[in-house]
Protein backbone atom coordinates (compact mmCIF):
# COMPACT_ATOMS: atom_id res chain seq x y z
CA MET A 1 0.00 0.00 0.00
CA ALA A 2 1.28 3.45 -0.84
CA THR A 3 1.55 5.36 2.41
CA GLY A 4 2.84 8.68 1.15
CA THR A 5 6.33 8.07 2.53
CA GLU A 6 7.82 7.08 -0.79
CA ALA A 7 9.02 9.83 -3.14
CA PRO A 8 6.63 10.03 -6.12
CA PRO A 9 7.90 10.05 -9.67
CA ALA A 10 8.33 13.58 -11.02
CA THR A 11 5.55 13.00 -13.55
CA ALA A 12 3.10 11.95 -10.85
CA ALA A 13 3.97 14.95 -8.69
CA ALA A 14 3.56 17.32 -11.62
CA ALA A 15 0.20 15.81 -12.54
CA ALA A 16 -1.08 16.14 -8.98
CA VAL A 17 0.03 19.78 -8.74
CA ALA A 18 -1.63 20.56 -12.08
CA ASP A 19 -4.91 18.86 -11.14
CA PRO A 20 -7.48 21.69 -11.04
CA SER A 21 -9.73 19.67 -8.71
CA CYS A 22 -7.03 19.45 -6.06
CA PRO A 23 -7.10 22.11 -3.32
CA PRO A 24 -3.81 23.98 -2.85
CA PHE A 25 -2.90 22.28 0.40
CA PRO A 26 -0.21 23.93 2.56
CA LEU A 27 3.08 22.10 2.95
CA LEU A 28 2.64 22.00 6.74
CA GLU A 29 6.05 23.52 7.45
CA GLU A 30 4.77 25.05 10.69
CA GLU A 31 3.54 21.61 11.82
CA GLY A 32 6.86 19.91 11.22
CA GLN A 33 7.50 19.19 14.90
CA HIS A 34 4.14 17.45 15.24
CA GLU A 35 4.84 15.37 12.15
CA ARG A 36 8.14 14.22 13.65
CA GLU A 37 6.31 13.17 16.81
CA GLU A 38 3.95 11.05 14.71
CA GLU A 39 6.87 9.48 12.86
CA GLN A 40 8.35 8.22 16.13
CA VAL A 41 5.56 5.64 16.31
CA PRO A 42 6.71 2.61 14.29
CA HIS A 43 4.80 0.97 11.48
CA GLY A 44 3.65 -2.52 12.39
CA GLY A 45 2.39 -4.06 9.15
CA ASP A 46 -1.16 -5.24 8.49
CA LEU A 47 -3.90 -5.62 11.10
CA GLU A 48 -6.42 -8.41 10.72
CA LEU A 49 -9.81 -7.31 11.99
CA PRO A 50 -12.56 -9.51 13.42
CA THR A 51 -15.77 -9.78 11.41
CA VAL A 52 -19.18 -9.26 13.02
CA ASP A 53 -22.36 -10.51 11.36
CA LEU A 54 -25.05 -7.84 11.70
CA GLU A 55 -27.77 -10.49 11.47
CA ALA A 56 -26.30 -12.30 14.50
CA PRO A 57 -23.77 -10.05 16.28
CA GLY A 58 -23.66 -12.13 19.45
CA GLU A 59 -20.58 -12.14 21.66
CA ALA A 60 -18.36 -11.40 18.66
CA LEU A 61 -19.52 -7.78 18.73
CA ALA A 62 -18.74 -7.11 22.39
CA ALA A 63 -15.43 -8.98 22.08
CA ALA A 64 -14.37 -6.83 19.12
CA CYS A 65 -15.32 -3.66 21.00
CA ARG A 66 -13.31 -4.70 24.05
CA ARG A 67 -10.22 -5.90 22.17
CA LEU A 68 -9.78 -3.47 19.26
CA GLY A 69 -12.69 -1.05 18.99
CA VAL A 70 -12.81 -1.63 15.22
CA PHE A 71 -14.23 -4.49 13.18
CA ARG A 72 -15.60 -5.51 9.81
CA LEU A 73 -19.35 -5.75 9.40
CA ALA A 74 -20.88 -8.45 7.19
CA ASN A 75 -24.51 -8.96 6.13
CA HIS A 76 -25.14 -5.26 6.68
CA GLY A 77 -27.92 -5.08 4.07
CA VAL A 78 -26.72 -1.87 2.39
CA PRO A 79 -27.48 -2.30 -1.33
CA ALA A 80 -24.27 -2.61 -3.32
CA ASP A 81 -25.68 -0.55 -6.17
CA LEU A 82 -26.55 2.29 -3.79
CA SER A 83 -22.97 2.40 -2.49
CA ALA A 84 -21.64 2.27 -6.04
CA ARG A 85 -23.90 5.13 -7.19
CA LEU A 86 -22.96 7.25 -4.18
CA PHE A 87 -19.26 6.71 -4.82
CA ALA A 88 -19.70 7.53 -8.52
CA VAL A 89 -21.49 10.82 -7.82
CA ALA A 90 -18.98 11.70 -5.09
CA ARG A 91 -16.13 11.07 -7.51
CA ASP A 92 -17.74 13.40 -10.04
CA VAL A 93 -18.56 16.14 -7.53
CA LEU A 94 -15.15 16.10 -5.86
CA GLY A 95 -12.72 14.70 -8.39
CA ARG A 96 -13.99 16.27 -11.59
CA ALA A 97 -14.94 19.78 -10.45
CA ALA A 98 -12.58 22.73 -10.18
CA PHE A 99 -11.47 23.63 -6.68
CA HIS A 100 -12.79 27.21 -6.81
CA ASP A 101 -16.23 25.89 -7.82
CA LYS A 102 -16.31 23.45 -4.92
CA GLN A 103 -15.33 26.16 -2.44
CA ALA A 104 -18.60 27.95 -3.18
CA GLN A 105 -20.70 24.90 -2.28
CA PRO A 106 -22.25 24.59 1.22
CA GLY A 107 -20.83 21.77 3.28
CA TYR A 108 -17.52 21.63 1.38
CA PHE A 109 -14.29 21.40 3.39
CA TRP A 110 -10.63 21.01 2.59
CA GLY A 111 -7.61 20.41 4.80
CA THR A 112 -9.78 19.42 7.76
CA PRO A 113 -13.42 18.41 8.35
CA ALA A 114 -13.51 20.63 11.48
CA LEU A 115 -15.94 23.54 11.47
CA SER A 116 -14.68 26.21 9.11
CA SER A 117 -14.59 28.83 11.87
CA LEU A 118 -11.99 26.84 13.82
CA ARG A 119 -8.28 26.81 13.03
CA VAL A 120 -6.84 23.34 13.49
CA ARG A 121 -3.20 22.55 14.11
CA ASP A 122 -2.94 19.91 11.39
CA VAL A 123 -3.97 20.61 7.81
CA ASN A 124 -4.40 17.33 5.96
CA TRP A 125 -4.42 16.05 2.38
CA VAL A 126 -8.20 15.68 2.25
CA GLU A 127 -11.33 17.36 0.97
CA GLY A 128 -14.98 16.48 1.10
CA PHE A 129 -18.58 17.31 1.88
CA HIS A 130 -20.36 17.30 5.23
CA LEU A 131 -23.95 16.12 4.77
CA ALA A 132 -26.44 16.37 7.65
CA LEU A 133 -28.96 13.51 7.64
CA GLY A 134 -31.61 14.71 10.08
CA PRO A 135 -35.18 15.52 8.97
CA ASP A 136 -35.27 18.34 6.41
CA GLN A 137 -31.53 18.88 6.71
CA GLN A 138 -29.41 20.20 3.85
CA PRO A 139 -25.63 20.18 3.31
CA THR A 140 -24.06 22.87 5.47
CA ALA A 141 -20.60 23.71 6.76
CA ALA A 142 -21.87 25.00 10.12
CA ALA A 143 -24.90 26.48 11.77
CA GLY A 144 -25.84 29.66 9.98
CA GLY A 145 -23.92 28.61 6.86
CA PRO A 146 -24.81 29.43 3.28
CA PRO A 147 -28.11 28.30 1.76
CA PRO A 148 -28.35 24.98 -0.09
CA SER A 149 -26.64 24.94 -3.48
CA SER A 150 -28.58 24.68 -6.71
CA SER A 151 -25.84 22.46 -8.20
CA PRO A 152 -27.51 19.40 -9.78
CA ASP A 153 -24.53 17.20 -8.85
CA LEU A 154 -24.60 18.28 -5.23
CA ALA A 155 -28.37 17.82 -5.11
CA ALA A 156 -27.92 14.27 -6.45
CA LEU A 157 -25.25 13.64 -3.81
CA ALA A 158 -27.58 14.89 -1.05
CA ASP A 159 -30.46 12.72 -2.31
CA LEU A 160 -28.29 9.60 -2.39
CA ALA A 161 -26.87 10.48 1.02
CA ARG A 162 -30.34 10.56 2.55
CA GLU A 163 -31.18 7.16 1.07
CA TYR A 164 -27.83 5.80 2.25
CA GLY A 165 -28.28 7.45 5.65
CA ALA A 166 -31.50 5.52 6.26
CA HIS A 167 -29.51 2.29 5.94
CA MET A 168 -26.78 3.68 8.19
CA ALA A 169 -29.36 4.54 10.87
CA ARG A 170 -30.65 0.97 10.73
CA VAL A 171 -27.13 -0.45 10.98
CA ALA A 172 -26.20 1.84 13.88
CA ARG A 173 -29.36 1.09 15.84
CA THR A 174 -28.98 -2.68 15.38
CA LEU A 175 -25.38 -2.57 16.57
CA PHE A 176 -26.08 -0.26 19.48
CA ASP A 177 -29.03 -2.24 20.76
CA ALA A 178 -26.76 -5.28 20.92
CA LEU A 179 -24.10 -3.23 22.74
CA ALA A 180 -26.69 -1.75 25.10
CA ALA A 181 -27.67 -5.25 26.15
CA ALA A 182 -24.02 -6.13 26.74
CA LEU A 183 -23.59 -2.99 28.89
CA GLY A 184 -26.84 -3.52 30.78
CA LEU A 185 -28.32 -0.19 29.68
CA GLY A 186 -31.97 0.48 30.34
CA ALA A 187 -34.46 1.29 27.58
CA GLY A 188 -34.24 5.03 28.29
CA GLN A 189 -30.46 5.04 28.06
CA ALA A 190 -30.46 2.90 24.94
CA SER A 191 -32.78 5.41 23.28
CA ALA A 192 -31.02 8.61 24.43
CA TYR A 193 -27.49 7.33 23.91
CA LEU A 194 -27.95 7.00 20.14
CA ALA A 195 -29.79 9.55 17.98
CA GLU A 196 -29.16 7.57 14.82
CA HIS A 197 -31.46 9.61 12.58
CA ASP A 198 -29.62 12.82 13.47
CA GLY A 199 -26.22 11.53 12.41
CA PHE A 200 -24.26 12.90 9.51
CA LEU A 201 -22.31 11.61 6.54
CA ARG A 202 -18.94 12.88 5.41
CA VAL A 203 -17.80 12.11 1.91
CA TYR A 204 -13.99 12.18 1.88
CA ARG A 205 -11.68 12.43 -1.10
CA TYR A 206 -7.93 12.04 -0.63
CA PRO A 207 -6.34 13.35 -3.86
CA PRO A 208 -3.02 11.93 -5.08
CA CYS A 209 -0.36 13.65 -2.96
CA PRO A 210 2.47 15.33 -4.92
CA GLU A 211 4.93 15.22 -2.01
CA PRO A 212 5.97 12.43 0.36
CA GLY A 213 5.56 12.50 4.11
CA HIS A 214 2.02 13.86 4.45
CA LEU A 215 -1.08 12.45 6.12
CA GLY A 216 -4.48 12.34 4.52
CA MET A 217 -5.97 12.64 8.03
CA GLU A 218 -4.09 13.23 11.27
CA ALA A 219 -4.26 10.74 14.13
CA HIS A 220 -7.44 11.10 16.17
CA THR A 221 -10.31 9.35 17.88
CA ASP A 222 -13.89 9.99 16.80
CA SER A 223 -16.27 11.86 19.09
CA SER A 224 -19.15 9.63 18.00
CA VAL A 225 -20.75 6.61 19.59
CA LEU A 226 -19.80 4.68 16.48
CA THR A 227 -18.65 5.41 12.94
CA VAL A 228 -19.51 3.27 9.90
CA ILE A 229 -16.94 3.47 7.09
CA ASN A 230 -17.47 2.47 3.48
CA GLN A 231 -14.21 2.53 1.52
CA ASP A 232 -13.33 2.14 -2.12
CA VAL A 233 -10.54 -0.23 -3.14
CA VAL A 234 -7.64 2.13 -2.29
CA GLY A 235 -6.14 1.58 1.16
CA GLY A 236 -4.74 4.13 3.57
CA LEU A 237 -6.56 3.66 6.87
CA GLN A 238 -4.20 2.93 9.76
CA VAL A 239 -5.05 1.98 13.35
CA LEU A 240 -2.80 2.43 16.37
CA HIS A 241 -2.49 -1.03 17.95
CA GLY A 242 0.23 -2.49 20.14
CA GLY A 243 2.25 0.71 20.01
CA ALA A 244 2.47 0.72 16.20
CA TRP A 245 0.49 1.98 13.22
CA ARG A 246 -1.15 -0.97 11.49
CA ASP A 247 -2.64 -0.96 7.98
CA VAL A 248 -6.31 -1.88 7.60
CA ALA A 249 -7.24 -3.26 4.19
CA PRO A 250 -10.37 -1.83 2.52
CA GLY A 251 -13.52 -3.90 2.92
CA GLY A 252 -14.71 -3.45 -0.65
CA GLY A 253 -18.07 -2.10 0.48
CA GLY A 254 -18.10 0.47 -2.32
CA THR A 255 -17.17 -1.82 -5.19
CA GLY A 256 -20.74 -2.62 -6.17
CA THR A 257 -20.06 -6.36 -6.05
CA GLY A 258 -22.46 -7.07 -3.21
CA THR A 259 -19.79 -9.02 -1.31
CA GLY A 260 -18.05 -6.18 0.54
CA THR A 261 -17.93 -5.53 4.25
CA LEU A 262 -18.17 -2.21 6.01
CA LEU A 263 -15.80 -1.06 8.73
CA VAL A 264 -17.08 0.09 12.11
CA ASN A 265 -15.04 1.87 14.74
CA LEU A 266 -16.14 3.03 18.17
CA GLY A 267 -15.81 6.63 19.26
CA ASP A 268 -15.27 8.44 22.55
CA MET A 269 -18.94 8.22 23.57
CA ALA A 270 -18.93 4.41 23.45
CA ARG A 271 -15.77 4.40 25.55
CA ALA A 272 -17.36 6.70 28.16
CA MET A 273 -20.64 4.74 28.23
CA SER A 274 -18.73 1.53 28.89
CA GLY A 275 -16.40 2.98 31.54
CA ASP A 276 -13.38 2.25 29.29
CA ALA A 277 -14.42 -1.37 28.74
CA PHE A 278 -14.81 -0.58 25.02
CA ARG A 279 -12.02 1.02 23.04
CA SER A 280 -12.18 4.29 21.13
CA VAL A 281 -9.66 3.47 18.45
CA ARG A 282 -6.99 6.00 17.46
CA HIS A 283 -6.64 6.05 13.68
CA ARG A 284 -5.34 8.09 10.77
CA VAL A 285 -5.19 7.99 6.97
CA ALA A 286 -1.90 7.89 5.08
CA ALA A 287 -1.72 10.02 1.94
CA SER A 288 -0.89 8.30 -1.33
CA TRP A 289 0.86 9.87 -4.29
CA GLY A 290 -0.40 7.28 -6.76
CA ASP A 291 -4.15 6.88 -6.30
CA GLU A 292 -7.23 8.88 -5.46
CA ARG A 293 -9.04 7.48 -2.41
CA LEU A 294 -12.71 7.97 -1.47
CA SER A 295 -14.59 6.93 1.62
CA LEU A 296 -18.07 7.41 3.05
CA CYS A 297 -18.15 7.88 6.83
CA TYR A 298 -21.38 7.92 8.81
CA PHE A 299 -21.17 9.25 12.39
CA ALA A 300 -23.82 8.47 15.02
CA PHE A 301 -24.04 10.48 18.26
CA PRO A 302 -26.12 10.57 21.45
CA ARG A 303 -28.91 13.07 21.92
CA ASP A 304 -27.52 16.44 22.99
CA ASP A 305 -29.20 16.21 26.39
CA ALA A 306 -28.23 12.58 27.04
CA VAL A 307 -26.24 12.32 30.29
CA ILE A 308 -23.33 9.96 29.64
CA SER A 309 -22.42 8.02 32.77
CA CYS A 310 -21.22 4.62 33.91
CA ARG A 311 -20.99 3.24 37.43
CA GLY A 312 -17.39 3.22 38.61
CA SER A 313 -16.25 5.28 35.62
CA ARG A 314 -13.18 7.53 35.66
CA TYR A 315 -15.30 10.22 34.01
CA ARG A 316 -17.84 12.50 35.65
CA PRO A 317 -21.34 12.46 34.12
CA PHE A 318 -21.67 14.87 31.20
CA THR A 319 -24.05 15.57 28.36
CA TYR A 320 -23.01 15.14 24.77
CA ALA A 321 -23.66 18.87 24.24
CA GLU A 322 -21.07 19.60 26.96
CA PHE A 323 -18.56 17.29 25.30
CA ARG A 324 -19.05 18.83 21.86
CA GLU A 325 -18.70 22.38 23.19
CA GLN A 326 -15.53 21.43 25.07
CA VAL A 327 -14.00 19.88 21.95
CA GLN A 328 -14.74 23.02 19.93
CA ALA A 329 -13.26 25.20 22.68
CA ASP A 330 -10.10 23.08 22.79
CA ILE A 331 -9.67 23.21 19.02
CA LYS A 332 -10.14 26.97 19.09
CA ALA A 333 -7.60 27.38 21.91
CA THR A 334 -4.97 24.80 20.96
CA GLY A 335 -5.74 23.62 17.42
CA SER A 336 -6.46 20.06 18.52
CA LYS A 337 -8.99 17.95 20.39
CA VAL A 338 -8.39 16.89 24.01
CA GLY A 339 -11.47 14.71 24.39
CA LEU A 340 -12.43 12.56 27.37
CA GLU A 341 -9.43 13.61 29.44
CA ARG A 342 -11.31 16.86 30.11
CA PHE A 343 -13.98 14.89 32.00
CA LEU A 344 -11.80 12.81 34.31
CA VAL A 345 -12.82 12.78 37.97
CA LEU A 346 -10.09 14.55 39.93
CA HIS A 347 -9.25 13.07 43.32
């Protein structure tokens, strides 16, 4: 797998620079120290993930959440042709349009998926669209953002995203109900701890990178309860496991063959709900100079007013709204997320 560490041929670098669809990403000179810190973590080869059957998750689901916090999902019921159509439209909207045209579209981001009003420390080799999936929602970069675009391609992307999002909500609820039973959550908690219909979809494109040594996405944990990832055939996802970055092969969910698996990783909220019994996996995406990479990532969160707590937990009870506001404040102040460490009980 191309990880972005190899020097690209001069012709490939020139082609990437000349690509009018590619945003003019900074070279990250001011983040050089942080990049060196990341490089101190060794690369550990491939990581084989467990597979969970959505039709019968059983103990395999809880075991995967305790051991790794990331797994493959089979028998998910997402139509292969729907995934293929969504990838095709995303490739047209992101990979075939000029950068200055995309900048004018609501919900578009480049360099980071963080809210456009926040300055992050790490600018990455990535672009995409943020698509809200709640009732009557439209693509938007942030609250109070520009009105929906009249672009036919973006409208087609939003329509497909809503259809796809209905399947994601079903997948998320099925998984979470099984996890809720494993955690002994009551019906009220199981309902409040996952607002699956108010999740959102991010369509990511990682353009071919003209220079070595860059990341498509910096190392992070998700703030979600769980994230469902549908990748094309180009690899790049890496998970921190056993003190090393390990490569995760694509599941082929977006190939349109009907045989692919999705990837699911747990976020910070699942870790807090379980009192650290479940893992919130730290992951990143390596940039590639040779191939364009696309992925569809659905994020499911608790209700804003849901009080996240677990008996014997290291964390004080907090609402998801509190957590989100703290993350945004930390990014604004420091350029990066602190996360659950802000909610530790101090003795």
